[in-house]
Protein backbone atom coordinates (compact mmCIF):
# COMPACT_ATOMS: atom_id res chain seq x y z
CA UNK A 1 60.88 72.74 122.47
CA UNK A 2 58.69 70.93 125.38
CA UNK A 3 56.14 74.05 124.83
CA UNK A 4 55.62 72.61 120.96
CA UNK A 5 55.42 69.13 121.97
CA UNK A 6 52.47 69.98 124.11
CA UNK A 7 50.82 72.23 121.54
CA UNK A 8 51.45 69.08 118.64
CA UNK A 9 49.94 66.66 121.17
CA UNK A 10 47.30 68.46 122.18
CA UNK A 11 46.57 69.38 118.51
CA UNK A 12 46.62 65.70 118.08
CA UNK A 13 44.43 64.78 120.80
CA UNK A 14 41.90 67.58 120.28
CA UNK A 15 40.99 67.89 116.58
CA UNK A 16 39.98 64.60 115.77
CA UNK A 17 37.55 64.54 118.49
CA UNK A 18 36.06 68.25 117.24
CA UNK A 19 36.03 66.95 113.78
CA UNK A 20 33.83 63.60 115.17
CA UNK A 21 31.59 66.08 116.99
CA UNK A 22 31.31 68.13 113.83
CA UNK A 23 30.46 65.51 111.64
CA UNK A 24 27.97 63.88 113.85
CA UNK A 25 26.09 67.27 113.73
CA UNK A 26 26.43 67.60 110.02
CA UNK A 27 24.92 64.39 109.35
CA UNK A 28 21.76 65.25 111.25
CA UNK A 29 21.64 69.05 110.94
CA UNK A 30 20.30 70.41 107.59
CA UNK A 31 22.34 73.28 107.61
CA UNK A 32 25.60 72.11 107.76
CA UNK A 33 28.69 73.68 109.65
CA UNK A 34 31.65 74.22 106.98
CA UNK A 35 30.78 70.65 105.80
CA UNK A 36 33.67 70.74 102.94
CA UNK A 37 36.38 71.68 105.63
CA UNK A 38 35.34 69.36 107.80
CA UNK A 39 35.11 66.54 105.28
CA UNK A 40 38.77 67.35 104.02
CA UNK A 41 40.15 67.64 107.20
CA UNK A 42 38.96 64.21 108.70
CA UNK A 43 40.19 62.91 105.47
CA UNK A 44 43.41 64.72 105.07
CA UNK A 45 44.58 64.69 108.93
CA UNK A 46 42.49 61.24 110.00
CA UNK A 47 44.37 58.39 107.30
CA UNK A 48 47.95 60.09 108.46
CA UNK A 49 46.91 59.99 112.15
CA UNK A 50 45.36 56.57 112.21
CA UNK A 51 48.67 55.22 110.70
CA UNK A 52 50.90 56.83 112.55
CA UNK A 53 49.38 55.91 115.91
CA UNK A 54 49.05 52.47 114.41
CA UNK A 55 52.86 51.87 113.79
CA UNK A 56 54.05 53.80 116.92
CA UNK A 57 52.22 51.53 118.79
CA UNK A 58 54.79 48.68 117.86
CA UNK A 59 52.17 46.02 117.32
CA UNK A 60 53.50 42.65 116.47
CA UNK A 61 51.80 39.27 115.37
CA UNK A 62 50.51 36.72 117.48
CA UNK A 63 52.85 34.18 116.46
CA UNK A 64 55.90 36.67 118.56
CA UNK A 65 56.00 36.35 122.38
CA UNK A 66 55.87 40.31 123.23
CA UNK A 67 58.86 41.39 124.91
CA UNK A 68 58.46 42.91 127.83
CA UNK A 69 60.70 46.17 128.58
CA UNK A 70 61.53 46.43 124.85
CA UNK A 71 59.57 49.23 124.53
CA UNK A 72 56.71 47.70 122.67
CA UNK A 73 52.77 47.84 123.80
CA UNK A 74 51.51 44.88 126.33
CA UNK A 75 49.04 43.41 122.98
CA UNK A 76 49.54 42.30 119.75
CA UNK A 77 48.60 43.18 116.21
CA UNK A 78 44.62 43.71 115.84
CA UNK A 79 45.54 43.14 111.98
CA UNK A 80 47.76 40.23 110.76
CA UNK A 81 50.68 41.60 108.84
CA UNK A 82 50.56 39.11 105.97
CA UNK A 83 46.82 40.53 105.26
CA UNK A 84 47.48 44.19 104.82
CA UNK A 85 47.44 44.10 100.97
CA UNK A 86 43.94 43.10 101.50
CA UNK A 87 42.69 45.53 104.00
CA UNK A 88 44.80 48.61 102.14
CA UNK A 89 42.87 47.40 99.16
CA UNK A 90 39.42 47.52 100.60
CA UNK A 91 39.68 50.60 102.35
CA UNK A 92 40.76 52.10 99.23
CA UNK A 93 37.90 51.09 97.13
CA UNK A 94 36.15 52.56 100.24
CA UNK A 95 37.61 55.95 100.02
CA UNK A 96 38.08 56.18 96.16
CA UNK A 97 34.07 55.17 96.04
CA UNK A 98 33.34 57.90 98.27
CA UNK A 99 35.50 60.26 96.63
CA UNK A 100 33.78 59.57 93.64
CA UNK A 101 30.05 60.32 95.11
CA UNK A 102 31.48 63.24 97.00
CA UNK A 103 32.73 65.07 94.29
CA UNK A 104 31.52 64.43 91.02
CA UNK A 105 27.58 63.61 92.51
CA UNK A 106 24.98 64.13 89.63
CA UNK A 107 28.14 63.85 86.91
CA UNK A 108 27.96 59.54 87.05
CA UNK A 109 25.47 57.35 85.66
CA UNK A 110 23.19 55.86 87.89
CA UNK A 111 25.36 52.31 87.30
CA UNK A 112 28.37 54.11 88.29
CA UNK A 113 26.88 55.97 91.60
CA UNK A 114 25.11 52.09 92.65
CA UNK A 115 28.81 50.68 92.37
CA UNK A 116 30.27 53.45 94.00
CA UNK A 117 27.51 52.98 96.75
CA UNK A 118 28.93 49.17 97.47
CA UNK A 119 32.00 50.28 97.69
CA UNK A 120 31.54 52.37 100.45
CA UNK A 121 29.13 49.33 101.57
CA UNK A 122 31.93 46.74 101.41
CA UNK A 123 34.39 49.19 103.25
CA UNK A 124 31.91 50.41 106.12
CA UNK A 125 31.16 46.90 106.95
CA UNK A 126 34.98 46.32 107.69
CA UNK A 127 35.43 49.65 109.15
CA UNK A 128 32.58 47.84 111.82
CA UNK A 129 34.14 45.11 111.89
CA UNK A 130 37.43 47.16 112.56
CA UNK A 131 35.75 48.75 115.76
CA UNK A 132 34.40 45.37 117.20
CA UNK A 133 38.02 43.87 117.07
CA UNK A 134 39.33 47.01 119.14
CA UNK A 135 35.89 46.94 121.20
CA UNK A 136 37.25 44.58 124.59
CA UNK A 137 40.39 46.75 124.84
CA UNK A 138 39.24 50.26 124.59
CA UNK A 139 38.60 50.98 128.03
CA UNK A 140 41.20 48.84 129.22
CA UNK A 141 45.01 49.42 128.54
CA UNK A 142 46.18 52.42 126.57
CA UNK A 143 43.08 54.58 126.96
CA UNK A 144 44.35 57.16 124.85
CA UNK A 145 45.89 55.19 121.71
CA UNK A 146 43.19 52.65 121.18
CA UNK A 147 39.90 54.41 121.15
CA UNK A 148 41.47 57.25 118.58
CA UNK A 149 42.32 54.07 116.12
CA UNK A 150 38.40 54.14 115.79
CA UNK A 151 38.23 57.49 115.44
CA UNK A 152 38.41 57.87 111.53
CA UNK A 153 36.45 54.37 110.84
CA UNK A 154 33.46 56.01 112.54
CA UNK A 155 34.09 59.40 110.72
CA UNK A 156 34.28 57.28 107.52
CA UNK A 157 31.09 55.90 108.15
CA UNK A 158 29.61 59.21 109.13
CA UNK A 159 30.59 60.86 105.99
CA UNK A 160 29.80 58.16 103.74
CA UNK A 161 26.26 58.26 104.78
CA UNK A 162 25.76 61.58 104.45
CA UNK A 163 27.16 61.78 101.11
CA UNK A 164 24.92 59.13 99.52
CA UNK A 165 21.71 60.45 101.58
CA UNK A 166 22.93 63.84 99.74
CA UNK A 167 23.22 62.32 96.17
CA UNK A 168 19.97 60.04 96.56
CA UNK A 169 17.82 63.45 97.26
CA UNK A 170 19.75 65.38 94.66
CA UNK A 171 19.25 63.15 92.09
CA UNK A 172 15.67 62.69 92.94
CA UNK A 173 15.05 66.39 92.65
CA UNK A 174 16.54 66.90 89.39
CA UNK A 175 14.00 64.17 88.34
CA UNK A 176 16.09 63.13 85.59
CA UNK A 177 14.44 61.31 82.85
CA UNK A 178 14.78 57.71 81.99
CA UNK A 179 15.77 56.44 78.79
CA UNK A 180 13.08 54.47 77.38
CA UNK A 181 14.54 50.87 75.10
CA UNK A 182 12.96 48.61 72.62
CA UNK A 183 14.61 45.64 74.31
CA UNK A 184 12.23 44.88 77.58
CA UNK A 185 15.51 43.67 79.46
CA UNK A 186 17.14 46.71 79.12
CA UNK A 187 13.97 48.72 79.97
CA UNK A 188 13.95 46.87 83.12
CA UNK A 189 17.38 47.43 84.24
CA UNK A 190 16.75 51.50 83.45
CA UNK A 191 13.72 51.27 85.27
CA UNK A 192 15.54 49.58 88.03
CA UNK A 193 18.29 52.03 88.05
CA UNK A 194 16.45 55.36 87.56
CA UNK A 195 14.40 54.49 90.70
CA UNK A 196 16.27 56.26 93.78
CA UNK A 197 14.53 54.21 96.43
CA UNK A 198 16.12 51.00 95.01
CA UNK A 199 19.86 52.14 95.46
CA UNK A 200 20.58 51.16 98.71
CA UNK A 201 19.29 47.36 98.08
CA UNK A 202 20.81 47.24 94.70
CA UNK A 203 24.18 48.44 96.17
CA UNK A 204 24.18 45.61 98.85
CA UNK A 205 23.69 43.10 95.63
CA UNK A 206 26.32 44.44 93.74
CA UNK A 207 28.35 44.41 96.83
CA UNK A 208 28.84 40.34 95.55
CA UNK A 209 30.26 40.76 92.56
CA UNK A 210 32.51 43.59 93.61
CA UNK A 211 34.01 41.68 96.26
CA UNK A 212 34.84 38.41 93.87
CA UNK A 213 36.39 40.75 91.66
CA UNK A 214 38.41 42.34 93.89
CA UNK A 215 39.43 38.89 95.97
CA UNK A 216 40.26 37.63 92.52
CA UNK A 217 42.88 40.46 91.82
CA UNK A 218 44.26 40.04 95.39
CA UNK A 219 44.35 35.83 94.62
CA UNK A 220 46.93 36.81 91.58
CA UNK A 221 48.73 38.99 94.35
CA UNK A 222 49.45 35.62 96.39
CA UNK A 223 46.39 36.55 98.99
CA UNK A 224 44.12 33.90 100.00
CA UNK A 225 40.43 34.17 99.32
CA UNK A 226 39.26 34.37 102.86
CA UNK A 227 41.92 36.95 103.74
CA UNK A 228 39.99 39.71 104.74
CA UNK A 229 38.17 37.51 107.05
CA UNK A 230 41.84 36.00 108.32
CA UNK A 231 43.26 39.18 108.74
CA UNK A 232 40.98 39.72 111.73
CA UNK A 233 40.89 36.19 113.37
CA UNK A 234 44.92 35.51 113.00
CA UNK A 235 45.64 37.87 115.70
CA UNK A 236 45.52 37.16 119.47
CA UNK A 237 44.23 39.64 122.23
CA UNK A 238 41.37 41.24 120.27
CA UNK A 239 37.57 40.79 120.36
CA UNK A 240 37.66 38.10 117.42
CA UNK A 241 40.66 36.67 117.93
CA UNK A 242 41.21 33.28 117.37
CA UNK A 243 45.04 32.31 118.11
CA UNK A 244 46.73 31.92 121.23
CA UNK A 245 50.39 33.96 121.47
CA UNK A 246 53.19 32.21 122.68
CA UNK A 247 53.93 33.87 126.62
CA UNK A 248 55.57 37.31 126.98
CA UNK A 249 59.36 36.98 127.66
CA UNK A 250 61.96 39.63 129.06
CA UNK A 251 64.93 40.63 127.73
CA UNK A 252 65.77 44.24 129.57
CA UNK A 253 68.06 44.45 131.86
CA UNK A 254 70.26 41.87 130.54
CA UNK A 255 72.90 41.67 127.72
CA UNK A 256 73.22 38.73 126.34
CA UNK A 257 69.18 38.02 127.31
CA UNK A 258 69.09 40.34 124.62
CA UNK A 259 71.07 38.54 122.26
CA UNK A 260 69.56 34.90 123.12
CA UNK A 261 66.09 36.75 122.29
CA UNK A 262 66.94 39.09 119.28
CA UNK A 263 69.24 36.75 117.44
CA UNK A 264 68.67 34.14 114.23
CA UNK A 265 68.01 30.87 115.90
CA UNK A 266 70.62 29.47 114.15
CA UNK A 267 73.25 31.40 115.01
CA UNK A 268 72.79 32.00 118.66
CA UNK A 269 70.83 28.91 119.54
CA UNK A 270 68.41 29.06 121.78
CA UNK A 271 67.55 26.21 124.31
CA UNK A 272 64.60 26.63 126.22
CA UNK A 273 62.35 28.96 128.12
CA UNK A 274 63.85 30.08 131.45
CA UNK A 275 63.09 32.13 134.43
CA UNK A 276 64.55 35.69 135.73
CA UNK A 277 63.14 37.33 138.47
CA UNK A 278 59.98 35.85 137.75
CA UNK A 279 59.80 36.64 134.52
CA UNK A 280 59.90 33.95 131.30
CA UNK A 281 63.18 34.76 129.03
CA UNK A 282 64.90 32.70 126.09
CA UNK A 283 67.98 30.74 127.30
CA UNK A 284 70.92 29.74 125.22
CA UNK A 285 74.29 28.23 126.17
CA UNK A 286 76.22 31.20 125.82
CA UNK A 287 74.01 32.84 128.54
CA UNK A 288 73.74 30.29 130.91
CA UNK A 289 77.76 29.78 130.52
CA UNK A 290 77.93 33.50 131.58
CA UNK A 291 75.61 33.51 134.25
CA UNK A 292 77.07 30.15 135.69
CA UNK A 293 80.60 32.02 135.89
CA UNK A 294 78.93 34.77 137.89
CA UNK A 295 77.53 32.61 140.15
CA UNK A 296 80.81 30.59 140.41
CA UNK A 297 82.96 33.97 141.39
CA UNK A 298 80.29 35.33 143.38
CA UNK A 299 80.06 31.84 145.67
CA UNK A 300 84.38 31.74 145.21
CA UNK A 301 85.05 35.81 145.72
CA UNK A 302 82.55 37.85 146.57
CA UNK A 303 84.93 41.06 146.28
CA UNK A 304 86.09 40.34 142.77
CA UNK A 305 82.05 39.84 141.95
CA UNK A 306 81.02 43.06 143.09
CA UNK A 307 83.89 44.30 140.88
CA UNK A 308 82.71 42.46 137.89
CA UNK A 309 79.11 42.99 138.84
CA UNK A 310 79.41 46.73 139.20
CA UNK A 311 81.60 46.70 135.29
CA UNK A 312 78.78 45.21 133.67
CA UNK A 313 76.03 47.47 135.19
CA UNK A 314 77.62 50.42 134.10
CA UNK A 315 78.51 48.78 130.54
CA UNK A 316 76.48 45.72 129.61
CA UNK A 317 72.74 47.48 130.48
CA UNK A 318 73.56 50.84 128.45
CA UNK A 319 74.90 48.63 125.60
CA UNK A 320 71.68 46.20 125.58
CA UNK A 321 69.64 49.07 124.75
CA UNK A 322 71.45 49.00 121.49
CA UNK A 323 70.87 45.75 120.45
CA UNK A 324 67.48 46.26 118.62
CA UNK A 325 67.69 43.91 115.14
CA UNK A 326 68.67 40.30 114.64
CA UNK A 327 71.98 40.95 112.62
CA UNK A 328 72.93 43.07 115.87
CA UNK A 329 72.57 40.68 118.14
CA UNK A 330 74.09 37.83 115.88
CA UNK A 331 76.94 39.82 115.77
CA UNK A 332 77.48 40.59 119.48
CA UNK A 333 76.79 36.59 120.28
CA UNK A 334 79.86 36.09 117.91
CA UNK A 335 82.01 38.85 119.71
CA UNK A 336 81.18 37.11 122.76
CA UNK A 337 82.55 33.65 121.90
CA UNK A 338 86.16 34.13 123.19
CA UNK A 339 84.91 35.35 126.59
CA UNK A 340 82.24 32.75 126.59
CA UNK A 341 85.34 30.29 126.08
CA UNK A 342 87.02 31.95 129.01
CA UNK A 343 84.10 31.65 131.24
CA UNK A 344 84.30 27.46 130.19
CA UNK A 345 87.66 27.15 131.08
CA UNK A 346 87.38 28.74 134.35
CA UNK A 347 83.84 26.75 135.34
CA UNK A 348 86.04 23.72 134.59
CA UNK A 349 89.02 24.64 136.54
CA UNK A 350 87.63 25.82 139.40
CA UNK A 351 84.36 23.65 139.42
CA UNK A 352 83.96 19.83 140.58
CA UNK A 353 80.48 19.79 138.12
CA UNK A 354 80.63 22.64 135.95
CA UNK A 355 78.13 21.41 133.62
CA UNK A 356 75.48 20.99 136.54
CA UNK A 357 76.03 24.46 137.18
CA UNK A 358 75.48 25.46 133.66
CA UNK A 359 72.38 23.40 133.61
CA UNK A 360 70.56 24.70 136.11
CA UNK A 361 70.70 27.96 135.39
CA UNK A 362 67.46 30.39 134.95
CA UNK A 363 65.30 27.51 136.21
CA UNK A 364 64.34 29.39 138.61
CA UNK A 365 64.51 32.19 141.28
């Protein structure tokens, strides 16, 4: 089984690089190397692999603190999740535009070709912004992850350039006869469209109304007019990020630390940030009471404390690994309430200043 995983992992790492190299060669070489096969594989493998890698990264949005030890990467999401509809719409527009030019070719009217080139232009600009967004972390953390998130955008741009050059050359070679109109304006537009040299400029000009139409549709579905830009800017940890995230917090290694962090605030009632082993954690009263109780028995009966600690280490740590949702944390908090009351009774029975002991928990180690 391990060998199968190694083979699959190797394929996922090596194949994208090979396809990228072949794509670059095909852009400059007259005699293409398996052009159709390379292009199909780039899209069939590139899109799902990029989505899979992005999801596996466990990115979270900038308003949330990174949870050290919880399996997430030490970086926030490079795209704001609330902007996904806009991002997907731009990418979808680009892919559809590419497919039109790549498959239909000369079967399309000049205006449709220029419109498709505009869609490619919009998507390519966004792909470049995406690459810039990732650039400051490409050679730092997670070197095998972040660079691979740029491979499909790079290949999309290369494929699009090649497809546009190819269709312009073929259109020029066909020397398609331009239709004449009696109307001067229509005749001028026809002359403009049938001149292939004008297509790149026309595509850029036409991209403006195309963006306006796309934004108008997205606004109807609740997206902001400037969502495409804010998707990149409303992030932290990346090149174009403008937001500052809360400091990272730790929950791994403590059962009730996990509860106080993961649960809904109106139920678990977090009080403040605390310090545990030099790391910031979220602290609620239940956690402070439990720790104060442990502190008391450690002070009064060290042997009993050692016994309790062993039980906790044996069962508490493994259980904390399974508290992965807010609902699970809420249920755990409620189930722990009777034990919390017992701890509180013991503190008020054997400690002269129980509240002082509770309040001073996690102030600093």
